[in-house]
């Protein structure tokens, strides 16, 4: 279990901390992706690092990993219900960063429900 210092905010931040985790979660918000699709959406990530971060997200209950028996096996990642719940606060953080840091969004905006 990740360190949370008795603080739910700290625990949440620890779950999504990692250079590629937030971007992986954001891309999965638009639908399930195969490993290669995610890797291609994250230029600069190594397969080893992406695999490790997806495993951590799976352990933390944010991402679901589905393996289809084939040759080679087909692995698909999707958000769990808990992962889907992260999209609204991530959208709010995106808006905050645009307003207060002047950083325009570089990824597609998730439609409001």
C-alpha atoms as a PDB file:
ATOM      1  CA  UNK A   1       0.000   0.000   0.000  1.00  0.00           C
ATOM      2  CA  UNK A   2       1.236   3.473  -0.863  1.00  0.00           C
ATOM      3  CA  UNK A   3       2.148   5.939   1.862  1.00  0.00           C
ATOM      4  CA  UNK A   4      -0.672   8.378   2.553  1.00  0.00           C
ATOM      5  CA  UNK A   5       0.320   9.987   5.862  1.00  0.00           C
ATOM      6  CA  UNK A   6      -3.314   9.642   6.949  1.00  0.00           C
ATOM      7  CA  UNK A   7      -4.419  12.033   4.206  1.00  0.00           C
ATOM      8  CA  UNK A   8      -6.753  10.967   1.374  1.00  0.00           C
ATOM      9  CA  UNK A   9      -5.378  13.706  -0.909  1.00  0.00           C
ATOM     10  CA  UNK A  10      -1.835  12.440  -0.381  1.00  0.00           C
ATOM     11  CA  UNK A  11      -2.971   8.867  -0.996  1.00  0.00           C
ATOM     12  CA  UNK A  12      -4.713   9.853  -4.227  1.00  0.00           C
ATOM     13  CA  UNK A  13      -1.738  11.849  -5.479  1.00  0.00           C
ATOM     14  CA  UNK A  14       0.539   8.904  -4.689  1.00  0.00           C
ATOM     15  CA  UNK A  15      -1.685   6.601  -6.792  1.00  0.00           C
ATOM     16  CA  UNK A  16      -1.454   8.803  -9.879  1.00  0.00           C
ATOM     17  CA  UNK A  17       2.129  10.005  -9.391  1.00  0.00           C
ATOM     18  CA  UNK A  18       4.415   8.866 -12.139  1.00  0.00           C
ATOM     19  CA  UNK A  19       5.534  10.534 -15.328  1.00  0.00           C
ATOM     20  CA  UNK A  20       3.047   8.675 -17.536  1.00  0.00           C
ATOM     21  CA  UNK A  21       0.173   7.650 -15.255  1.00  0.00           C
ATOM     22  CA  UNK A  22      -1.980  10.771 -15.611  1.00  0.00           C
ATOM     23  CA  UNK A  23      -1.637  10.737 -19.393  1.00  0.00           C
ATOM     24  CA  UNK A  24      -2.421   7.015 -19.562  1.00  0.00           C
ATOM     25  CA  UNK A  25      -5.532   7.526 -17.429  1.00  0.00           C
ATOM     26  CA  UNK A  26      -6.610  10.458 -19.600  1.00  0.00           C
ATOM     27  CA  UNK A  27      -6.227   8.487 -22.843  1.00  0.00           C
ATOM     28  CA  UNK A  28      -8.110   5.522 -21.351  1.00  0.00           C
ATOM     29  CA  UNK A  29     -10.980   7.884 -20.501  1.00  0.00           C
ATOM     30  CA  UNK A  30     -11.760   7.898 -24.226  1.00  0.00           C
ATOM     31  CA  UNK A  31     -12.006   4.116 -24.366  1.00  0.00           C
ATOM     32  CA  UNK A  32     -10.087   0.894 -23.896  1.00  0.00           C
ATOM     33  CA  UNK A  33      -6.685   0.718 -25.533  1.00  0.00           C
ATOM     34  CA  UNK A  34      -4.247  -2.018 -26.419  1.00  0.00           C
ATOM     35  CA  UNK A  35      -0.744  -1.684 -24.989  1.00  0.00           C
ATOM     36  CA  UNK A  36       0.756  -0.597 -28.329  1.00  0.00           C
ATOM     37  CA  UNK A  37      -1.941   2.064 -28.764  1.00  0.00           C
ATOM     38  CA  UNK A  38      -1.143   3.534 -25.354  1.00  0.00           C
ATOM     39  CA  UNK A  39       2.587   3.392 -26.045  1.00  0.00           C
ATOM     40  CA  UNK A  40       2.070   5.263 -29.324  1.00  0.00           C
ATOM     41  CA  UNK A  41      -0.013   7.937 -27.553  1.00  0.00           C
ATOM     42  CA  UNK A  42       2.830   8.544 -25.082  1.00  0.00           C
ATOM     43  CA  UNK A  43       5.885   9.448 -27.165  1.00  0.00           C
ATOM     44  CA  UNK A  44       9.071   8.948 -25.203  1.00  0.00           C
ATOM     45  CA  UNK A  45       7.808   6.276 -22.819  1.00  0.00           C
ATOM     46  CA  UNK A  46       9.708   3.004 -22.766  1.00  0.00           C
ATOM     47  CA  UNK A  47       7.791  -0.262 -22.806  1.00  0.00           C
ATOM     48  CA  UNK A  48       9.358  -1.205 -19.473  1.00  0.00           C
ATOM     49  CA  UNK A  49       8.238   1.999 -17.742  1.00  0.00           C
ATOM     50  CA  UNK A  50       4.753   1.915 -19.283  1.00  0.00           C
ATOM     51  CA  UNK A  51       4.311  -1.708 -18.212  1.00  0.00           C
ATOM     52  CA  UNK A  52       5.397  -0.879 -14.652  1.00  0.00           C
ATOM     53  CA  UNK A  53       3.103   2.138 -14.390  1.00  0.00           C
ATOM     54  CA  UNK A  54       0.111   0.271 -15.816  1.00  0.00           C
ATOM     55  CA  UNK A  55       0.744  -2.536 -13.322  1.00  0.00           C
ATOM     56  CA  UNK A  56       0.765  -0.012 -10.476  1.00  0.00           C
ATOM     57  CA  UNK A  57      -2.483   1.515 -11.733  1.00  0.00           C
ATOM     58  CA  UNK A  58      -3.983  -1.981 -11.895  1.00  0.00           C
ATOM     59  CA  UNK A  59      -2.860  -2.777  -8.325  1.00  0.00           C
ATOM     60  CA  UNK A  60      -4.371   0.523  -7.151  1.00  0.00           C
ATOM     61  CA  UNK A  61      -7.699  -0.365  -8.777  1.00  0.00           C
ATOM     62  CA  UNK A  62      -7.622   2.411 -11.396  1.00  0.00           C
ATOM     63  CA  UNK A  63      -6.998   0.334 -14.522  1.00  0.00           C
ATOM     64  CA  UNK A  64      -8.372  -3.044 -15.592  1.00  0.00           C
ATOM     65  CA  UNK A  65      -6.133  -5.348 -17.636  1.00  0.00           C
ATOM     66  CA  UNK A  66      -7.854  -7.867 -19.882  1.00  0.00           C
ATOM     67  CA  UNK A  67      -5.855 -10.596 -21.596  1.00  0.00           C
ATOM     68  CA  UNK A  68      -7.351 -12.298 -24.636  1.00  0.00           C
ATOM     69  CA  UNK A  69      -5.801 -15.665 -25.357  1.00  0.00           C
ATOM     70  CA  UNK A  70      -4.274 -15.433 -28.798  1.00  0.00           C
ATOM     71  CA  UNK A  71      -0.862 -15.738 -30.305  1.00  0.00           C
ATOM     72  CA  UNK A  72       0.563 -13.339 -29.252  1.00  0.00           C
ATOM     73  CA  UNK A  73      -1.763 -12.580 -26.323  1.00  0.00           C
ATOM     74  CA  UNK A  74      -3.856  -9.422 -26.765  1.00  0.00           C
ATOM     75  CA  UNK A  75      -3.807  -7.173 -23.719  1.00  0.00           C
ATOM     76  CA  UNK A  76      -6.369  -4.393 -23.420  1.00  0.00           C
ATOM     77  CA  UNK A  77      -6.458  -1.726 -20.729  1.00  0.00           C
ATOM     78  CA  UNK A  78      -9.518   0.172 -19.583  1.00  0.00           C
ATOM     79  CA  UNK A  79     -10.496   2.300 -16.624  1.00  0.00           C
ATOM     80  CA  UNK A  80     -12.273   0.771 -13.685  1.00  0.00           C
ATOM     81  CA  UNK A  81     -15.180   2.649 -12.108  1.00  0.00           C
ATOM     82  CA  UNK A  82     -12.659   4.163  -9.677  1.00  0.00           C
ATOM     83  CA  UNK A  83     -10.501   5.227 -12.625  1.00  0.00           C
ATOM     84  CA  UNK A  84     -13.476   6.822 -14.352  1.00  0.00           C
ATOM     85  CA  UNK A  85     -14.130   8.842 -11.200  1.00  0.00           C
ATOM     86  CA  UNK A  86     -10.695  10.464 -11.616  1.00  0.00           C
ATOM     87  CA  UNK A  87     -11.661  12.135 -14.900  1.00  0.00           C
ATOM     88  CA  UNK A  88     -13.760  14.908 -13.374  1.00  0.00           C
ATOM     89  CA  UNK A  89     -11.051  16.071 -10.932  1.00  0.00           C
ATOM     90  CA  UNK A  90      -8.452  15.745 -13.702  1.00  0.00           C
ATOM     91  CA  UNK A  91     -10.600  18.004 -15.902  1.00  0.00           C
ATOM     92  CA  UNK A  92     -10.771  20.520 -13.059  1.00  0.00           C
ATOM     93  CA  UNK A  93      -6.966  20.399 -12.690  1.00  0.00           C
ATOM     94  CA  UNK A  94      -6.635  20.972 -16.437  1.00  0.00           C
ATOM     95  CA  UNK A  95      -8.861  24.044 -16.219  1.00  0.00           C
ATOM     96  CA  UNK A  96      -6.942  25.341 -13.202  1.00  0.00           C
ATOM     97  CA  UNK A  97      -3.617  24.946 -15.013  1.00  0.00           C
ATOM     98  CA  UNK A  98      -4.951  26.772 -18.060  1.00  0.00           C
ATOM     99  CA  UNK A  99      -6.285  29.665 -15.971  1.00  0.00           C
ATOM    100  CA  UNK A 100      -3.485  30.052 -13.456  1.00  0.00           C
ATOM    101  CA  UNK A 101      -0.405  28.757 -15.244  1.00  0.00           C
ATOM    102  CA  UNK A 102      -1.303  29.759 -18.790  1.00  0.00           C
ATOM    103  CA  UNK A 103      -0.795  26.209 -20.072  1.00  0.00           C
ATOM    104  CA  UNK A 104      -3.197  25.445 -22.922  1.00  0.00           C
ATOM    105  CA  UNK A 105      -4.524  21.873 -22.997  1.00  0.00           C
ATOM    106  CA  UNK A 106      -2.521  19.698 -25.385  1.00  0.00           C
ATOM    107  CA  UNK A 107      -4.825  16.693 -25.136  1.00  0.00           C
ATOM    108  CA  UNK A 108      -8.448  16.481 -26.208  1.00  0.00           C
ATOM    109  CA  UNK A 109     -10.905  17.691 -23.613  1.00  0.00           C
ATOM    110  CA  UNK A 110     -13.123  15.057 -22.132  1.00  0.00           C
ATOM    111  CA  UNK A 111     -16.773  15.898 -22.817  1.00  0.00           C
ATOM    112  CA  UNK A 112     -18.783  16.927 -19.778  1.00  0.00           C
ATOM    113  CA  UNK A 113     -21.504  14.456 -18.884  1.00  0.00           C
END
